[in-house]
Amino acid sequence: MSRSRWGWIAFGLGAGWLWGIASGLAALGGPGLALAAGLLALGLALPVLGGLRGRRSWRWAWPRAGALALLAAALPAAVAYGGQGARPPLAYAGLALTYALLQGPAWALGRAARGRWRAALTLLAGLALAAVLLAGPYFYGLGLLPFPRGSRWDAYQRLWANLERFYAYWDQAPVTPADLKARYADQVRAADAACRGRPGPCEPYRQALRAMLAELQDGHTRFEPNTPLVHPRVAVRRIQGQAVIVWADEDSDAAAQGLKPGMVIRAVDGAPVAEALERVPPEWTAFAAAHTREEYAYRHLLLGPAGTQVTLTVADADGTPRTVTLTREPWTGPSDWQPVEGRRLDDGWGYIAVRTLSTGQVVPAFDRLLDDLAAAPGLILDLRNNGGGNSLWGDRMVARLLTEPVTYGRECFRAPHPLHFWSTGCHDLRVEPRGPAYTGPVAVLVNTGVHSSAEWMTAALCTTGRARCFGRPTAGNTGNPVFFFVPDGQVRFSTGRFYLPDGNLLNGRGIWPHEAVAWTIEDVRTGHDPDLATARAWLATQTK
């Protein structure tokens, strides 16, 4: 056999097997990903070197070496990605074929190169092509490509491979992974078969994933979009063991029919409140902490499809019953809502309410308010009903209240994931002082509506001794979620475990205030805020 023939055989087989080995390493992430990129670059370098040294025309070498590379890569690639729960044979063939076709241009570049610098540029081009080839299947396996291919069943398999590898709270889940996966497998197969070839979203598939993920009872793990349900323009809370209206939009049909804060709901569509609570969809109350599940059952008591009506039996302050019918409608909140609000209270205390951490506007707005309130003898920071967002913005606000660094917890990951920069193990969460510090006493108001990054903010102040907390326990809902694209939407699931300074896991527990405050129905009726009143009384003891 001629030397040139041995050359293209060696190059084809070598490049193909390097591609397959790199596929398996890519599934490991982190160092494995870097090694995989190097192997792919070497696989593309082989035909370049062959082109530089070979005497045979690349037109003949390309199809022969490329065909061998395709055959050599297909089997190890199938094994590698099959291990990630993906089994689309056409996808393997396409990826291997793409890589094989690149052997020809690489060989041609090597033949055309004259001088070492051209050869070096050729090798760099090979590295770039290798990175592109590696990134596609790697991110596909992780569900990070927003155009998922293959069947819904295939997506289910890949999703479970990721849940088993990355999900943070299997030890808290009320079900085992094997049982949960098996129980929903038939539903997913049936949905896949029923919707195959049909345009538009597959609702049976969506419903199966919603129900399955709700069983994990994790507020950061769910299918999106969620069930499209909305409320009438009233807010309901559990107060003194009863469903109480705490707010009614003044421009809504609720206000027009005379609903006011402090009215007690006795029945929903003719059913007692206890029965209506059981009808709240489980994905809307899927939280690890029991007190949070109960709270959100009351908050979503009137949930239903947009445009539908709900009939309430309510009681006035004197117990007189009345019946009203409300329309459920989408609503984005008051037009004058601001993410951060503040003022000087009439007794001199500073007051800042941080409503969300989901927008970058919060930090500069907080800074301006804190500068205006710098002379206040004490500060009340209201985090109630802050659903979280970006913890970095919370840290930056906390930093203005510190004179020395604090470590307020640890976050741990089971396996490296690119959305967390391939972090593994545990790392401390630390805040350094920033800007002119406010050094007066700080009271923090919290309730079960405080979630996620807002709980981290609470931990940085209330578990480190910098502030004192008042109200009710936070949601105990944190998870640093990642997303996974499926054909009809996306799944979010928790990957990070947050530990408080005392070593307790935050998820499923929450942060309990230093001073618990209970609301009464009379507080709601009269507009009295007992959380605020208790915080003001404490500040008065700190500034004498």
Protein backbone atom coordinates (compact mmCIF):
# COMPACT_ATOMS: atom_id res chain seq x y z
CA MET A 1 0.00 0.00 0.00
CA SER A 2 1.38 3.44 -0.91
CA ARG A 3 2.57 5.87 1.71
CA SER A 4 -0.05 8.45 0.76
CA ARG A 5 -2.83 5.89 1.11
CA TRP A 6 -1.66 4.94 4.58
CA GLY A 7 -1.61 8.67 5.30
CA TRP A 8 -5.26 9.33 4.55
CA ILE A 9 -6.33 6.14 6.33
CA ALA A 10 -4.44 7.15 9.44
CA PHE A 11 -5.71 10.72 9.31
CA GLY A 12 -9.32 9.68 8.82
CA LEU A 13 -9.40 7.06 11.55
CA GLY A 14 -7.37 9.18 13.97
CA ALA A 15 -9.49 12.28 13.51
CA GLY A 16 -12.74 10.33 13.86
CA TRP A 17 -11.74 8.56 17.05
CA LEU A 18 -10.42 11.77 18.56
CA TRP A 19 -13.81 13.32 17.84
CA GLY A 20 -15.60 10.45 19.56
CA ILE A 21 -13.34 10.50 22.62
CA ALA A 22 -13.74 14.26 22.86
CA SER A 23 -17.52 13.81 22.87
CA GLY A 24 -17.31 11.72 26.03
CA LEU A 25 -14.96 14.19 27.69
CA ALA A 26 -17.25 17.08 26.81
CA ALA A 27 -19.99 15.44 28.85
CA LEU A 28 -17.81 15.83 31.94
CA GLY A 29 -17.54 19.63 31.68
CA GLY A 30 -14.78 21.65 33.31
CA PRO A 31 -11.30 20.18 32.66
CA GLY A 32 -12.84 17.45 30.52
CA LEU A 33 -14.27 20.12 28.23
CA ALA A 34 -10.87 21.78 27.78
CA LEU A 35 -9.21 18.43 27.03
CA ALA A 36 -11.99 17.61 24.56
CA ALA A 37 -11.36 20.90 22.73
CA GLY A 38 -7.67 20.03 22.52
CA LEU A 39 -8.41 16.59 21.09
CA LEU A 40 -10.75 18.06 18.50
CA ALA A 41 -8.12 20.60 17.51
CA LEU A 42 -5.60 17.78 17.13
CA GLY A 43 -8.11 15.86 15.05
CA LEU A 44 -8.33 18.81 12.66
CA ALA A 45 -4.57 19.33 12.77
CA LEU A 46 -3.93 15.82 11.44
CA PRO A 47 -5.27 16.48 7.93
CA VAL A 48 -3.55 19.89 7.93
CA LEU A 49 -0.23 18.20 8.55
CA GLY A 50 -1.13 15.60 5.99
CA GLY A 51 -1.78 18.31 3.46
CA LEU A 52 1.55 19.94 4.24
CA ARG A 53 3.47 16.68 3.76
CA GLY A 54 1.32 14.64 1.42
CA ARG A 55 1.96 14.29 -2.24
CA ARG A 56 -1.50 13.11 -3.19
CA SER A 57 -4.12 15.64 -4.29
CA TRP A 58 -6.49 16.71 -1.51
CA ARG A 59 -9.40 16.15 -3.89
CA TRP A 60 -8.85 12.42 -3.50
CA ALA A 61 -7.80 12.51 0.13
CA TRP A 62 -10.85 14.45 1.27
CA PRO A 63 -13.63 11.96 0.49
CA ARG A 64 -11.59 8.98 1.62
CA ALA A 65 -10.31 10.43 4.88
CA GLY A 66 -13.67 12.09 5.49
CA ALA A 67 -15.60 8.86 5.03
CA LEU A 68 -13.33 7.08 7.47
CA ALA A 69 -13.67 9.92 9.97
CA LEU A 70 -17.45 9.66 9.73
CA LEU A 71 -17.42 5.94 10.43
CA ALA A 72 -14.84 6.24 13.19
CA ALA A 73 -16.66 9.06 14.98
CA ALA A 74 -20.21 7.74 14.82
CA LEU A 75 -19.91 4.90 17.35
CA PRO A 76 -18.02 6.73 20.16
CA ALA A 77 -20.21 9.78 19.65
CA ALA A 78 -23.34 7.65 20.04
CA VAL A 79 -21.96 6.12 23.22
CA ALA A 80 -20.95 9.51 24.64
CA TYR A 81 -24.23 11.29 24.00
CA GLY A 82 -26.32 8.23 24.72
CA GLY A 83 -24.82 8.42 28.21
CA GLN A 84 -26.34 11.88 28.53
CA GLY A 85 -29.81 10.52 27.83
CA ALA A 86 -29.90 11.58 24.17
CA ARG A 87 -30.50 8.95 21.50
CA PRO A 88 -31.10 10.67 18.15
CA PRO A 89 -29.11 8.61 15.56
CA LEU A 90 -29.55 11.25 12.88
CA ALA A 91 -28.03 13.85 15.18
CA TYR A 92 -24.95 11.66 15.70
CA ALA A 93 -24.59 11.10 11.99
CA GLY A 94 -24.98 14.80 11.27
CA LEU A 95 -22.37 15.81 13.81
CA ALA A 96 -19.91 13.17 12.66
CA LEU A 97 -20.51 14.05 9.01
CA THR A 98 -19.92 17.75 9.70
CA TYR A 99 -16.64 16.94 11.34
CA ALA A 100 -15.66 14.60 8.53
CA LEU A 101 -16.38 17.22 5.89
CA LEU A 102 -14.07 19.61 7.67
CA GLN A 103 -11.21 17.19 7.04
CA GLY A 104 -11.20 18.18 3.37
CA PRO A 105 -10.84 21.97 3.86
CA ALA A 106 -8.26 21.35 6.58
CA TRP A 107 -6.28 19.12 4.20
CA ALA A 108 -6.59 21.75 1.47
CA LEU A 109 -5.40 24.51 3.79
CA GLY A 110 -2.38 22.42 4.67
CA ARG A 111 -1.62 21.89 0.96
CA ALA A 112 -1.98 25.60 0.25
CA ALA A 113 0.12 26.77 3.20
CA ARG A 114 3.57 28.05 2.31
CA GLY A 115 5.54 28.84 5.39
CA ARG A 116 5.20 28.24 9.07
CA TRP A 117 3.00 31.25 9.79
CA ARG A 118 0.33 30.03 7.39
CA ALA A 119 0.48 26.61 8.92
CA ALA A 120 0.06 28.16 12.38
CA LEU A 121 -2.96 30.14 11.23
CA THR A 122 -4.38 26.97 9.76
CA LEU A 123 -4.01 25.18 13.07
CA LEU A 124 -5.70 28.09 14.88
CA ALA A 125 -8.57 27.87 12.42
CA GLY A 126 -8.77 24.17 13.21
CA LEU A 127 -9.01 24.96 16.92
CA ALA A 128 -11.85 27.41 16.29
CA LEU A 129 -13.72 24.85 14.20
CA ALA A 130 -13.16 22.26 16.90
CA ALA A 131 -14.63 24.57 19.53
CA VAL A 132 -17.72 25.16 17.41
CA LEU A 133 -18.19 21.46 16.83
CA LEU A 134 -17.73 20.69 20.49
CA ALA A 135 -20.00 23.44 21.78
CA GLY A 136 -23.03 22.41 19.72
CA PRO A 137 -23.54 18.87 21.01
CA TYR A 138 -22.29 19.77 24.49
CA PHE A 139 -24.83 22.55 24.96
CA TYR A 140 -27.51 20.46 23.26
CA GLY A 141 -26.98 17.76 25.88
CA LEU A 142 -27.38 20.38 28.62
CA GLY A 143 -30.60 21.72 27.06
CA LEU A 144 -29.14 25.19 26.57
CA LEU A 145 -29.90 25.54 22.86
CA PRO A 146 -33.22 27.38 22.35
CA PHE A 147 -34.14 25.25 19.35
CA PRO A 148 -34.39 21.69 20.72
CA ARG A 149 -34.51 18.92 18.15
CA GLY A 150 -35.72 15.36 18.32
CA SER A 151 -38.83 13.97 19.91
CA ARG A 152 -40.45 15.10 23.13
CA TRP A 153 -39.53 11.74 24.58
CA ASP A 154 -35.88 12.37 23.73
CA ALA A 155 -36.08 15.77 25.46
CA TYR A 156 -37.58 14.04 28.52
CA GLN A 157 -34.65 11.62 28.62
CA ARG A 158 -32.10 14.41 28.31
CA LEU A 159 -33.90 16.46 30.96
CA TRP A 160 -33.74 13.58 33.39
CA ALA A 161 -30.06 13.03 32.72
CA ASN A 162 -29.51 16.66 33.76
CA LEU A 163 -31.82 16.48 36.77
CA GLU A 164 -30.04 13.40 38.07
CA ARG A 165 -26.68 15.07 37.63
CA PHE A 166 -27.28 18.68 38.67
CA TYR A 167 -30.48 18.97 40.75
CA ALA A 168 -29.64 20.26 44.22
CA TYR A 169 -32.43 18.98 46.48
CA TRP A 170 -33.04 15.30 45.93
CA ASP A 171 -32.53 14.80 49.66
CA GLN A 172 -35.46 17.15 50.38
CA ALA A 173 -37.79 15.88 47.65
CA PRO A 174 -40.78 13.83 48.84
CA VAL A 175 -40.20 11.41 45.92
CA THR A 176 -37.21 9.48 44.58
CA PRO A 177 -35.79 10.27 41.13
CA ALA A 178 -36.39 6.73 39.82
CA ASP A 179 -40.02 6.67 40.97
CA LEU A 180 -40.82 10.13 39.62
CA LYS A 181 -39.21 9.47 36.24
CA ALA A 182 -40.97 6.13 35.84
CA ARG A 183 -44.43 7.38 36.86
CA TYR A 184 -44.49 10.10 34.21
CA ALA A 185 -42.76 8.15 31.43
CA ASP A 186 -46.00 6.74 30.00
CA GLN A 187 -47.69 10.16 30.03
CA VAL A 188 -44.78 11.70 28.16
CA ARG A 189 -44.67 8.88 25.59
CA ALA A 190 -48.41 9.20 25.02
CA ALA A 191 -48.16 12.99 24.64
CA ASP A 192 -45.24 12.60 22.24
CA ALA A 193 -47.21 10.16 20.09
CA ALA A 194 -50.41 12.23 20.16
CA CYS A 195 -48.72 15.52 19.20
CA ARG A 196 -46.10 14.27 16.75
CA GLY A 197 -46.36 16.18 13.51
CA ARG A 198 -48.95 18.62 14.83
CA PRO A 199 -48.18 22.36 14.79
CA GLY A 200 -48.20 24.40 17.99
CA PRO A 201 -47.51 23.50 21.61
CA CYS A 202 -48.39 20.09 22.96
CA GLU A 203 -50.54 20.73 26.03
CA PRO A 204 -50.54 17.11 27.31
CA TYR A 205 -46.73 17.22 27.31
CA ARG A 206 -46.70 20.55 29.13
CA GLN A 207 -49.18 19.32 31.70
CA ALA A 208 -47.16 16.18 32.36
CA LEU A 209 -43.97 18.18 32.97
CA ARG A 210 -45.79 20.71 35.17
CA ALA A 211 -47.27 17.98 37.34
CA MET A 212 -44.02 16.03 37.53
CA LEU A 213 -41.90 19.01 38.59
CA ALA A 214 -44.53 20.20 41.09
CA GLU A 215 -44.02 16.95 42.99
CA LEU A 216 -40.50 18.08 43.87
CA GLN A 217 -42.03 20.90 45.96
CA ASP A 218 -39.31 23.34 44.94
CA GLY A 219 -40.21 26.93 44.09
CA HIS A 220 -37.27 27.25 41.69
CA THR A 221 -38.08 24.07 39.75
CA ARG A 222 -40.95 24.31 37.30
CA PHE A 223 -42.03 24.21 33.68
CA GLU A 224 -42.44 27.50 31.83
CA PRO A 225 -44.79 28.85 30.68
CA ASN A 226 -46.79 28.05 33.78
CA THR A 227 -50.50 27.32 33.64
CA PRO A 228 -52.01 30.58 32.27
CA LEU A 229 -54.08 31.49 35.32
CA VAL A 230 -54.76 34.90 36.89
CA HIS A 231 -56.56 36.45 39.86
CA PRO A 232 -59.24 39.10 40.26
CA ARG A 233 -57.69 42.41 41.28
CA VAL A 234 -57.72 41.65 44.99
CA ALA A 235 -55.10 40.16 47.32
CA VAL A 236 -55.87 37.44 49.86
CA ARG A 237 -53.77 36.43 52.87
CA ARG A 238 -54.11 34.02 55.77
CA ILE A 239 -54.65 36.08 58.93
CA GLN A 240 -55.76 34.59 62.23
CA GLY A 241 -56.46 31.35 60.37
CA GLN A 242 -58.89 32.91 57.89
CA ALA A 243 -58.82 34.00 54.25
CA VAL A 244 -58.80 37.80 54.47
CA ILE A 245 -58.88 40.39 51.70
CA VAL A 246 -55.91 42.67 52.37
CA TRP A 247 -56.11 44.82 49.25
CA ALA A 248 -58.56 45.65 46.47
CA ASP A 249 -57.63 47.76 43.46
CA GLU A 250 -59.66 50.95 43.63
CA ASP A 251 -60.33 50.83 39.88
CA SER A 252 -61.49 47.21 39.83
CA ASP A 253 -64.88 45.52 39.89
CA ALA A 254 -64.00 44.37 43.42
CA ALA A 255 -63.92 47.94 44.75
CA ALA A 256 -67.02 48.82 42.74
CA GLN A 257 -68.91 46.04 44.56
CA GLY A 258 -67.78 47.28 47.94
CA LEU A 259 -64.94 44.86 48.77
CA LYS A 260 -62.57 46.37 51.33
CA PRO A 261 -59.45 45.25 53.22
CA GLY A 262 -60.37 43.22 56.28
CA MET A 263 -63.36 41.42 54.79
CA VAL A 264 -63.26 37.67 55.45
CA ILE A 265 -63.95 35.17 52.66
CA ARG A 266 -66.38 32.46 53.74
CA ALA A 267 -66.90 30.61 50.44
CA VAL A 268 -65.52 30.47 46.88
CA ASP A 269 -68.01 29.48 44.17
CA GLY A 270 -70.22 28.02 46.88
CA ALA A 271 -67.47 25.84 48.37
CA PRO A 272 -66.04 26.38 51.88
CA VAL A 273 -62.58 27.96 51.94
CA ALA A 274 -60.95 24.72 53.11
CA GLU A 275 -62.30 22.93 50.05
CA ALA A 276 -61.34 25.79 47.70
CA LEU A 277 -57.77 25.70 49.03
CA GLU A 278 -57.46 22.07 47.97
CA ARG A 279 -58.36 23.04 44.40
CA VAL A 280 -55.39 25.41 43.98
CA PRO A 281 -53.14 23.86 41.27
CA PRO A 282 -50.14 22.19 42.96
CA GLU A 283 -47.56 23.92 40.76
CA TRP A 284 -48.63 27.24 42.34
CA THR A 285 -47.89 26.03 45.86
CA ALA A 286 -44.81 23.88 45.13
CA PHE A 287 -42.43 25.01 47.86
CA ALA A 288 -40.20 23.04 50.21
CA ALA A 289 -41.29 24.86 53.39
CA ALA A 290 -44.70 23.91 54.81
CA HIS A 291 -45.43 27.46 55.97
CA THR A 292 -44.78 28.73 52.41
CA ARG A 293 -47.04 26.12 50.80
CA GLU A 294 -49.85 27.14 53.15
CA GLU A 295 -49.27 30.86 52.58
CA TYR A 296 -49.37 30.53 48.81
CA ALA A 297 -52.48 28.38 48.84
CA TYR A 298 -54.25 31.38 50.38
CA ARG A 299 -52.56 33.85 48.02
CA HIS A 300 -53.79 31.82 45.02
CA LEU A 301 -57.20 31.00 46.43
CA LEU A 302 -59.01 32.87 43.64
CA LEU A 303 -56.80 31.70 40.78
CA GLY A 304 -58.42 30.76 37.47
CA PRO A 305 -58.36 31.28 33.69
CA ALA A 306 -58.41 34.88 32.46
CA GLY A 307 -61.88 36.18 31.70
CA THR A 308 -63.67 33.72 33.96
CA GLN A 309 -65.68 34.75 36.99
CA VAL A 310 -65.49 33.71 40.62
CA THR A 311 -68.27 34.20 43.17
CA LEU A 312 -67.29 35.00 46.75
CA THR A 313 -69.24 35.00 49.96
CA VAL A 314 -67.61 37.53 52.25
CA ALA A 315 -68.31 38.89 55.72
CA ASP A 316 -68.15 42.55 56.75
CA ALA A 317 -66.64 43.72 60.02
CA ASP A 318 -69.95 43.09 61.79
CA GLY A 319 -70.24 39.61 60.28
CA THR A 320 -72.90 40.49 57.73
CA PRO A 321 -72.48 38.20 54.69
CA ARG A 322 -72.64 39.38 51.11
CA THR A 323 -72.06 37.76 47.74
CA VAL A 324 -70.00 39.33 44.97
CA THR A 325 -68.90 38.08 41.56
CA LEU A 326 -65.46 39.11 40.29
CA THR A 327 -63.75 38.73 36.93
CA ARG A 328 -60.27 37.28 36.73
CA GLU A 329 -58.07 39.46 34.55
CA PRO A 330 -54.36 39.95 33.78
CA TRP A 331 -52.86 42.88 35.62
CA THR A 332 -49.30 44.16 35.91
CA GLY A 333 -49.75 46.23 39.07
CA PRO A 334 -50.20 49.91 39.88
CA SER A 335 -48.86 52.34 37.29
CA ASP A 336 -46.92 54.23 39.99
CA TRP A 337 -45.13 51.13 41.32
CA GLN A 338 -41.40 51.59 41.88
CA PRO A 339 -38.79 48.89 42.59
CA VAL A 340 -37.37 50.99 45.45
CA GLU A 341 -39.24 53.57 47.53
CA GLY A 342 -38.23 55.53 50.60
CA ARG A 343 -38.98 58.47 52.87
CA ARG A 344 -38.34 59.97 56.27
CA LEU A 345 -41.00 58.81 58.71
CA ASP A 346 -42.73 61.34 60.94
CA ASP A 347 -40.76 60.18 63.98
CA GLY A 348 -37.44 60.66 62.18
CA TRP A 349 -36.57 57.09 61.16
CA GLY A 350 -35.44 56.41 57.62
CA TYR A 351 -37.58 53.98 55.63
CA ILE A 352 -36.57 52.20 52.39
CA ALA A 353 -38.67 49.50 50.73
CA VAL A 354 -36.89 47.27 48.20
CA ARG A 355 -39.63 45.52 46.23
CA THR A 356 -37.54 43.40 43.85
CA LEU A 357 -33.99 42.47 42.86
CA SER A 358 -34.90 41.76 39.25
CA THR A 359 -33.81 45.10 37.78
CA GLY A 360 -30.52 46.95 37.88
CA GLN A 361 -32.37 50.16 38.78
CA VAL A 362 -32.55 49.10 42.42
CA VAL A 363 -28.91 49.83 43.34
CA PRO A 364 -28.67 53.47 42.16
CA ALA A 365 -32.16 54.17 43.52
CA PHE A 366 -31.18 52.68 46.89
CA ASP A 367 -27.96 54.69 46.94
CA ARG A 368 -29.81 57.96 46.34
CA LEU A 369 -32.33 57.27 49.07
CA LEU A 370 -29.70 56.16 51.56
CA ASP A 371 -27.67 59.30 50.89
CA ASP A 372 -30.79 61.41 51.52
CA LEU A 373 -31.43 59.51 54.78
CA ALA A 374 -27.82 59.50 55.99
CA ALA A 375 -28.67 61.69 59.00
CA ALA A 376 -31.58 59.49 60.16
CA PRO A 377 -30.88 57.99 63.61
CA GLY A 378 -32.14 54.57 62.50
CA LEU A 379 -33.17 52.83 59.28
CA ILE A 380 -36.04 50.47 58.45
CA LEU A 381 -35.40 48.28 55.41
CA ASP A 382 -38.62 46.74 54.13
CA LEU A 383 -38.04 43.54 52.11
CA ARG A 384 -41.56 42.15 52.46
CA ASN A 385 -42.86 40.40 49.33
CA ASN A 386 -39.53 40.80 47.53
CA GLY A 387 -39.42 37.77 45.25
CA GLY A 388 -35.67 38.04 44.60
CA GLY A 389 -33.74 38.37 41.36
CA ASN A 390 -30.00 39.04 41.15
CA SER A 391 -28.06 38.45 44.38
CA LEU A 392 -25.24 40.75 43.21
CA TRP A 393 -27.59 43.72 43.42
CA GLY A 394 -28.67 42.68 46.90
CA ASP A 395 -25.03 42.42 47.96
CA ARG A 396 -24.30 45.91 46.66
CA MET A 397 -27.10 47.39 48.74
CA VAL A 398 -26.04 45.47 51.85
CA ALA A 399 -22.50 46.75 51.28
CA ARG A 400 -23.66 50.32 51.97
CA LEU A 401 -24.74 49.24 55.47
CA LEU A 402 -21.40 47.65 56.45
CA THR A 403 -18.17 48.94 57.93
CA GLU A 404 -16.37 45.60 57.66
CA PRO A 405 -16.71 42.51 55.44
CA VAL A 406 -19.22 39.81 56.36
CA THR A 407 -19.60 36.20 55.23
CA TYR A 408 -23.28 35.32 55.25
CA GLY A 409 -23.35 31.76 53.99
CA ARG A 410 -22.09 29.17 51.54
CA GLU A 411 -23.39 27.97 48.19
CA CYS A 412 -22.66 24.43 46.98
CA PHE A 413 -23.02 22.77 43.57
CA ARG A 414 -23.12 19.03 42.84
CA ALA A 415 -21.57 19.13 39.35
CA PRO A 416 -20.02 21.71 37.00
CA HIS A 417 -22.48 23.59 34.79
CA PRO A 418 -21.55 26.31 32.27
CA LEU A 419 -24.20 28.73 33.59
CA HIS A 420 -22.30 28.67 36.88
CA PHE A 421 -18.89 28.81 35.17
CA TRP A 422 -18.37 25.11 35.90
CA SER A 423 -18.20 25.70 39.67
CA THR A 424 -18.16 22.65 41.91
CA GLY A 425 -18.06 22.17 45.65
CA CYS A 426 -18.83 25.03 48.03
CA HIS A 427 -17.80 28.68 48.12
CA ASP A 428 -18.37 31.38 50.71
CA LEU A 429 -20.75 34.28 50.07
CA ARG A 430 -19.05 37.45 51.20
CA VAL A 431 -19.86 41.16 51.02
CA GLU A 432 -17.28 43.93 51.21
CA PRO A 433 -18.21 47.47 52.39
CA ARG A 434 -18.96 49.96 49.63
CA GLY A 435 -19.16 53.74 49.56
CA PRO A 436 -20.08 55.87 52.55
CA ALA A 437 -21.50 53.43 55.07
CA TYR A 438 -24.70 53.98 57.01
CA THR A 439 -23.73 53.08 60.58
CA GLY A 440 -27.00 53.57 62.47
CA PRO A 441 -29.18 50.67 63.68
CA VAL A 442 -31.09 48.81 60.97
CA ALA A 443 -34.42 47.00 61.30
CA VAL A 444 -35.43 44.63 58.48
CA LEU A 445 -39.08 43.74 57.76
CA VAL A 446 -39.66 40.28 56.29
CA ASN A 447 -42.51 37.89 55.55
CA THR A 448 -43.16 34.67 53.65
CA GLY A 449 -43.18 36.64 50.40
CA VAL A 450 -39.38 37.10 50.68
CA HIS A 451 -37.74 34.62 48.31
CA SER A 452 -34.43 33.58 46.84
CA SER A 453 -31.88 36.41 46.45
CA ALA A 454 -33.92 38.58 48.80
CA GLU A 455 -33.39 35.85 51.42
CA TRP A 456 -29.65 36.07 50.78
CA MET A 457 -29.92 39.81 51.41
CA THR A 458 -31.82 39.07 54.62
CA ALA A 459 -29.14 36.58 55.67
CA ALA A 460 -26.35 39.10 55.06
CA LEU A 461 -28.02 41.52 57.49
CA CYS A 462 -29.96 39.47 60.02
CA THR A 463 -27.74 36.43 60.56
CA THR A 464 -24.50 38.40 60.86
CA GLY A 465 -25.54 40.77 63.65
CA ARG A 466 -25.75 43.87 61.45
CA ALA A 467 -29.55 44.19 61.64
CA ARG A 468 -32.57 42.86 63.49
CA CYS A 469 -35.44 41.16 61.64
CA PHE A 470 -39.16 41.62 62.32
CA GLY A 471 -42.21 39.89 60.84
CA ARG A 472 -42.69 36.30 59.73
CA PRO A 473 -40.31 33.65 58.36
CA THR A 474 -39.08 34.03 54.81
CA ALA A 475 -40.10 31.57 52.09
CA GLY A 476 -37.12 29.19 52.38
CA ASN A 477 -36.94 29.10 48.59
CA THR A 478 -33.50 29.38 47.03
CA GLY A 479 -31.81 27.30 44.36
CA ASN A 480 -29.77 29.30 41.77
CA PRO A 481 -31.70 27.65 38.93
CA VAL A 482 -30.61 26.90 35.38
CA PHE A 483 -32.89 26.44 32.39
CA PHE A 484 -33.34 23.51 30.03
CA PHE A 485 -35.12 23.98 26.69
CA VAL A 486 -37.71 21.40 25.62
CA PRO A 487 -39.87 21.47 22.47
CA ASP A 488 -42.85 23.23 24.10
CA GLY A 489 -41.16 25.61 26.55
CA GLN A 490 -38.40 25.36 29.10
CA VAL A 491 -37.73 23.82 32.49
CA ARG A 492 -36.02 25.63 35.35
CA PHE A 493 -34.47 23.59 38.12
CA SER A 494 -32.39 24.29 41.22
CA THR A 495 -28.66 23.60 41.17
CA GLY A 496 -27.29 25.49 44.20
CA ARG A 497 -27.67 24.73 47.91
CA PHE A 498 -27.47 27.77 50.20
CA TYR A 499 -26.27 27.24 53.76
CA LEU A 500 -26.71 29.87 56.46
CA PRO A 501 -23.79 30.82 58.74
CA ASP A 502 -25.07 28.41 61.40
CA GLY A 503 -24.80 25.53 58.91
CA ASN A 504 -28.54 25.11 58.32
CA LEU A 505 -29.88 24.72 54.80
CA LEU A 506 -32.02 27.72 53.87
CA ASN A 507 -34.26 25.88 51.40
CA GLY A 508 -37.32 24.44 53.14
CA ARG A 509 -36.64 26.39 56.33
CA GLY A 510 -36.42 30.12 55.65
CA ILE A 511 -34.97 32.80 57.89
CA TRP A 512 -36.96 33.28 61.06
CA PRO A 513 -37.17 36.85 62.40
CA HIS A 514 -35.68 37.88 65.71
CA GLU A 515 -39.11 39.15 66.68
CA ALA A 516 -42.17 37.40 65.25
CA VAL A 517 -45.08 39.70 64.52
CA ALA A 518 -48.64 38.45 63.98
CA TRP A 519 -51.21 40.49 62.10
CA THR A 520 -54.84 40.66 63.12
CA ILE A 521 -57.90 41.22 60.95
CA GLU A 522 -58.39 44.50 62.77
CA ASP A 523 -54.91 45.62 61.69
CA VAL A 524 -55.94 45.10 58.08
CA ARG A 525 -59.22 46.95 58.52
CA THR A 526 -57.64 49.96 60.20
CA GLY A 527 -54.50 50.13 58.04
CA HIS A 528 -52.20 49.52 60.99
CA ASP A 529 -48.83 47.92 60.15
CA PRO A 530 -47.65 45.94 63.21
CA ASP A 531 -44.34 44.99 61.55
CA LEU A 532 -43.46 48.65 61.09
CA ALA A 533 -44.68 49.57 64.58
CA THR A 534 -42.57 46.84 66.21
CA ALA A 535 -39.47 47.90 64.27
CA ARG A 536 -39.94 51.54 65.27
CA ALA A 537 -40.28 50.58 68.90
CA TRP A 538 -37.03 48.62 68.74
CA LEU A 539 -35.17 51.47 67.03
CA ALA A 540 -36.28 53.77 69.85
CA THR A 541 -34.45 51.51 72.32
CA GLN A 542 -31.25 51.63 70.25
CA THR A 543 -30.85 55.38 69.95
CA LYS A 544 -31.40 56.65 73.48
